Amino acid sequence: MAVFGVPFVSEDDGATDARRSCRAALQMVHQLCKFNHYRQQRGEVEKFEIGLGLNTGKVISGNIGSEKRMVRKHALFLTAFFTCRNDPFM
């Protein structure tokens, strides 16, 4: 999972962070297509696939009680929840 705008949100209230996350997702898909094409040229038939979920929202992020614990608001969990539930539709 990638998080954009943490610890500091962009000056335009997160719009730049949202655009960066979209660009990163598109770049991941593009690079995976190139990788699969390279594998196909080498005679490998099985393709790698990924699922991506994007969501925006305010989060609370930081160390609470220990460096190993992170507290994040529901926006991140909501994205993870829907990404996992989307598998049957892929």
Protein backbone atom coordinates (compact mmCIF):
# COMPACT_ATOMS: atom_id res chain seq x y z
CA MET A 1 0.00 0.00 0.00
CA ALA A 2 1.29 3.45 -0.88
CA VAL A 3 0.30 6.61 0.93
CA PHE A 4 0.68 10.07 -0.56
CA GLY A 5 0.61 13.32 1.37
CA VAL A 6 1.92 11.89 4.64
CA PRO A 7 3.25 13.36 6.85
CA PHE A 8 2.47 16.65 5.09
CA VAL A 9 -0.43 17.20 2.71
CA SER A 10 0.26 19.21 -0.45
CA GLU A 11 -0.49 22.93 -0.33
CA ASP A 12 -3.59 22.54 -2.50
CA ASP A 13 -5.38 20.47 0.15
CA GLY A 14 -4.24 17.15 -1.28
CA ALA A 15 -5.06 17.60 -4.98
CA THR A 16 -1.39 17.22 -5.96
CA ASP A 17 -1.11 14.14 -3.75
CA ALA A 18 -4.16 12.61 -5.46
CA ARG A 19 -2.68 13.29 -8.92
CA ARG A 20 0.62 11.75 -7.84
CA SER A 21 -1.13 8.61 -6.62
CA CYS A 22 -3.00 8.29 -9.92
CA ARG A 23 0.23 8.75 -11.88
CA ALA A 24 1.95 6.12 -9.74
CA ALA A 25 -0.87 3.63 -10.33
CA LEU A 26 -0.83 4.24 -14.09
CA GLN A 27 2.96 3.90 -14.15
CA MET A 28 2.71 0.58 -12.30
CA VAL A 29 0.28 -0.74 -14.92
CA HIS A 30 2.47 0.55 -17.76
CA GLN A 31 5.63 -1.02 -16.35
CA LEU A 32 3.84 -4.32 -15.76
CA CYS A 33 2.64 -4.34 -19.39
CA LYS A 34 6.23 -3.79 -20.54
CA PHE A 35 7.45 -6.56 -18.26
CA ASN A 36 4.79 -8.98 -19.53
CA HIS A 37 5.70 -8.11 -23.12
CA TYR A 38 9.36 -8.81 -22.36
CA ARG A 39 8.40 -12.17 -20.82
CA GLN A 40 6.24 -13.01 -23.84
CA GLN A 41 9.17 -12.34 -26.17
CA ARG A 42 11.23 -14.81 -24.13
CA GLY A 43 8.57 -17.46 -24.63
CA GLU A 44 6.95 -17.27 -21.22
CA VAL A 45 3.19 -17.42 -21.53
CA GLU A 46 2.01 -16.71 -18.01
CA LYS A 47 1.27 -13.02 -17.40
CA PHE A 48 1.55 -11.18 -14.14
CA GLU A 49 -1.51 -9.19 -13.11
CA ILE A 50 -2.14 -6.62 -10.41
CA GLY A 51 -5.18 -5.01 -8.88
CA LEU A 52 -5.11 -1.38 -7.84
CA GLY A 53 -7.41 0.58 -5.57
CA LEU A 54 -7.32 4.34 -5.12
CA ASN A 55 -9.10 6.39 -2.49
CA THR A 56 -8.76 9.87 -1.10
CA GLY A 57 -9.57 11.12 2.34
CA LYS A 58 -8.14 12.59 5.46
CA VAL A 59 -6.01 10.30 7.60
CA ILE A 60 -4.38 10.41 10.98
CA SER A 61 -0.91 9.00 10.70
CA GLY A 62 1.87 8.70 13.23
CA ASN A 63 3.49 6.62 15.91
CA ILE A 64 1.28 6.00 18.91
CA GLY A 65 2.90 4.32 21.88
CA SER A 66 5.65 2.66 19.89
CA GLU A 67 7.47 3.01 16.58
CA LYS A 68 5.82 -0.19 15.35
CA ARG A 69 2.23 1.06 15.70
CA MET A 70 0.71 3.33 13.13
CA VAL A 71 -2.72 4.90 13.46
CA ARG A 72 -4.50 5.70 10.22
CA LYS A 73 -8.05 6.80 9.64
CA HIS A 74 -10.61 4.75 7.77
CA ALA A 75 -9.71 6.16 4.30
CA LEU A 76 -6.76 3.77 4.04
CA PHE A 77 -8.65 0.80 5.42
CA LEU A 78 -11.56 1.49 3.09
CA THR A 79 -9.23 1.37 0.08
CA ALA A 80 -7.68 -1.90 1.25
CA PHE A 81 -11.12 -3.35 1.97
CA PHE A 82 -12.50 -2.63 -1.49
CA THR A 83 -9.30 -3.70 -3.24
CA CYS A 84 -9.43 -7.10 -1.53
CA ARG A 85 -13.15 -7.49 -2.27
CA ASN A 86 -12.62 -6.65 -5.95
CA ASP A 87 -10.63 -9.86 -6.67
CA PRO A 88 -13.67 -11.89 -7.88
CA PHE A 89 -14.39 -9.22 -10.52
CA MET A 90 -10.92 -9.25 -12.07
